[in-house]
Amino acid sequence: MNKWAWLWGFIPVYVRYVDFIETRVMRDGAIGTVEGRSHWFWADILKTSSGNIGLLAHELEHCKQAWMLPFGAYSALRKVNKRYRAWCEASAYAAQTLAFGPMDEYREARIDAYAYLIANAYGLTITQAAARELILEEIRG
């Protein structure tokens, strides 16, 4: 079930389908299950989400982000710079949204759900409305 994906057509990323990654307590107290995690050459996705093309696009976007900076800078910057972390997630959720195509009937609901996650699951001080606008900016390019 594991497979290889490619960034820009030449950088390999090993995609592993796993049983568990982690749970996370949201800022509003809700508990959520992390469905994917990635960095440089690998991406882990829950087996229960293995057919989710959007989630794969999201994790591959994070791999691309890591490749755009010198080794180690991506992880360090995400930890110390909340604006950068918000942009990383907005960019990845934009890729996740776009993976479902322009005629996706659930597009607006997806964007709202992703904005909720950015505002509540990543230790950011951002409103859901501001997170939604960041995603929309990335979608518009």
Protein backbone atom coordinates (compact mmCIF):
# COMPACT_ATOMS: atom_id res chain seq x y z
CA MET A 1 0.00 0.00 0.00
CA ASN A 2 2.95 2.36 0.55
CA LYS A 3 4.04 4.24 -2.56
CA TRP A 4 6.37 6.83 -4.05
CA ALA A 5 5.29 10.32 -5.05
CA TRP A 6 7.37 12.93 -6.85
CA LEU A 7 7.99 16.62 -6.21
CA TRP A 8 8.51 18.65 -9.36
CA GLY A 9 8.86 15.38 -11.24
CA PHE A 10 12.29 14.41 -9.87
CA ILE A 11 12.47 14.47 -6.04
CA PRO A 12 11.12 11.24 -4.52
CA VAL A 13 8.85 11.23 -1.46
CA TYR A 14 8.05 7.93 0.21
CA VAL A 15 4.39 7.84 1.26
CA ARG A 16 3.69 5.45 4.13
CA TYR A 17 0.18 4.51 5.20
CA VAL A 18 0.12 4.07 8.97
CA ASP A 19 -2.38 3.12 11.68
CA PHE A 20 -1.78 6.12 13.97
CA ILE A 21 0.09 9.43 13.97
CA GLU A 22 -1.11 11.46 16.97
CA THR A 23 -4.08 13.22 18.51
CA ARG A 24 -4.11 16.94 19.14
CA VAL A 25 -6.12 19.11 21.52
CA MET A 26 -7.52 22.11 19.69
CA ARG A 27 -7.51 25.61 21.14
CA ASP A 28 -11.28 25.31 21.69
CA GLY A 29 -10.83 22.06 23.65
CA ALA A 30 -11.91 19.66 20.89
CA ILE A 31 -9.69 16.64 20.29
CA GLY A 32 -8.66 15.85 16.73
CA THR A 33 -6.72 13.07 15.06
CA VAL A 34 -3.76 14.08 12.93
CA GLU A 35 -4.26 12.44 9.53
CA GLY A 36 -0.90 13.22 7.97
CA ARG A 37 2.68 14.31 8.68
CA SER A 38 5.58 14.91 6.32
CA HIS A 39 9.04 16.29 5.79
CA TRP A 40 11.56 16.31 2.93
CA PHE A 41 11.57 12.69 1.67
CA TRP A 42 8.60 11.13 3.47
CA ALA A 43 4.92 11.52 4.24
CA ASP A 44 2.84 9.49 6.67
CA ILE A 45 -0.91 9.26 6.05
CA LEU A 46 -3.45 7.34 8.09
CA LYS A 47 -4.56 4.13 6.40
CA THR A 48 -8.15 5.26 6.87
CA SER A 49 -7.33 8.32 4.72
CA SER A 50 -5.39 6.45 2.05
CA GLY A 51 -7.76 7.42 -0.78
CA ASN A 52 -7.85 11.10 0.14
CA ILE A 53 -6.14 12.87 -2.78
CA GLY A 54 -6.42 16.20 -1.00
CA LEU A 55 -4.54 14.98 2.06
CA LEU A 56 -1.74 13.62 -0.12
CA ALA A 57 -1.54 17.00 -1.92
CA HIS A 58 -1.39 18.74 1.48
CA GLU A 59 1.49 16.61 2.74
CA LEU A 60 3.41 16.89 -0.54
CA GLU A 61 3.05 20.67 -0.32
CA HIS A 62 4.78 20.56 3.07
CA CYS A 63 7.58 18.50 1.50
CA LYS A 64 7.97 21.18 -1.19
CA GLN A 65 8.10 23.87 1.50
CA ALA A 66 10.91 22.01 3.26
CA TRP A 67 12.89 21.77 0.01
CA MET A 68 12.63 25.53 -0.59
CA LEU A 69 14.80 26.34 2.44
CA PRO A 70 18.27 25.24 3.57
CA PHE A 71 18.35 21.98 5.51
CA GLY A 72 16.78 22.36 8.95
CA ALA A 73 15.51 25.90 8.36
CA TYR A 74 11.96 24.81 7.54
CA SER A 75 11.41 23.02 10.85
CA ALA A 76 13.10 25.75 12.86
CA LEU A 77 11.18 28.53 11.15
CA ARG A 78 7.84 26.74 11.64
CA LYS A 79 8.58 26.43 15.36
CA VAL A 80 9.55 30.05 16.00
CA ASN A 81 7.58 32.07 13.43
CA LYS A 82 3.80 31.88 13.72
CA ARG A 83 3.26 33.85 10.51
CA TYR A 84 5.39 31.40 8.56
CA ARG A 85 3.59 28.44 10.16
CA ALA A 86 0.21 29.99 9.24
CA TRP A 87 1.39 30.52 5.64
CA CYS A 88 2.69 26.93 5.44
CA GLU A 89 -0.65 25.55 6.55
CA ALA A 90 -2.69 27.91 4.35
CA SER A 91 -0.57 26.92 1.36
CA ALA A 92 -0.96 23.21 2.14
CA TYR A 93 -4.72 23.52 2.68
CA ALA A 94 -4.98 25.46 -0.59
CA ALA A 95 -3.24 22.56 -2.36
CA GLN A 96 -5.60 20.17 -0.58
CA THR A 97 -8.61 22.18 -1.76
CA LEU A 98 -7.35 22.44 -5.35
CA ALA A 99 -6.74 18.68 -5.51
CA PHE A 100 -10.50 18.14 -5.62
CA GLY A 101 -10.85 20.27 -8.75
CA PRO A 102 -12.62 23.55 -9.54
CA MET A 103 -16.11 22.01 -9.59
CA ASP A 104 -15.89 20.49 -6.09
CA GLU A 105 -19.35 20.92 -4.59
CA TYR A 106 -17.86 20.85 -1.07
CA ARG A 107 -15.19 23.50 -1.75
CA GLU A 108 -16.57 26.19 0.57
CA ALA A 109 -17.21 23.72 3.38
CA ARG A 110 -13.68 22.34 2.98
CA ILE A 111 -12.16 25.83 3.15
CA ASP A 112 -14.18 26.60 6.29
CA ALA A 113 -13.06 23.34 7.91
CA TYR A 114 -9.42 23.95 7.00
CA ALA A 115 -9.63 27.53 8.33
CA TYR A 116 -10.97 26.12 11.61
CA LEU A 117 -7.97 23.81 11.83
CA ILE A 118 -5.45 26.57 11.12
CA ALA A 119 -7.07 28.75 13.78
CA ASN A 120 -7.29 26.00 16.39
CA ALA A 121 -4.79 23.17 15.83
CA TYR A 122 -1.41 24.78 15.20
CA GLY A 123 -0.76 26.97 18.23
CA LEU A 124 -1.44 30.15 16.27
CA THR A 125 -3.12 33.36 17.33
CA ILE A 126 -5.26 33.78 14.23
CA THR A 127 -9.00 33.94 13.75
CA GLN A 128 -10.85 31.47 11.60
CA ALA A 129 -11.83 34.33 9.26
CA ALA A 130 -8.20 35.40 8.85
CA ALA A 131 -7.14 31.79 8.26
CA ARG A 132 -9.86 31.44 5.61
CA GLU A 133 -8.58 34.53 3.84
CA LEU A 134 -5.00 33.16 3.88
CA ILE A 135 -6.21 29.95 2.21
CA LEU A 136 -8.17 31.93 -0.39
CA GLU A 137 -5.12 34.10 -1.15
CA GLU A 138 -3.08 30.94 -1.79
CA ILE A 139 -5.81 29.49 -4.01
CA ARG A 140 -5.93 32.69 -6.04
CA GLY A 141 -2.17 32.54 -6.35
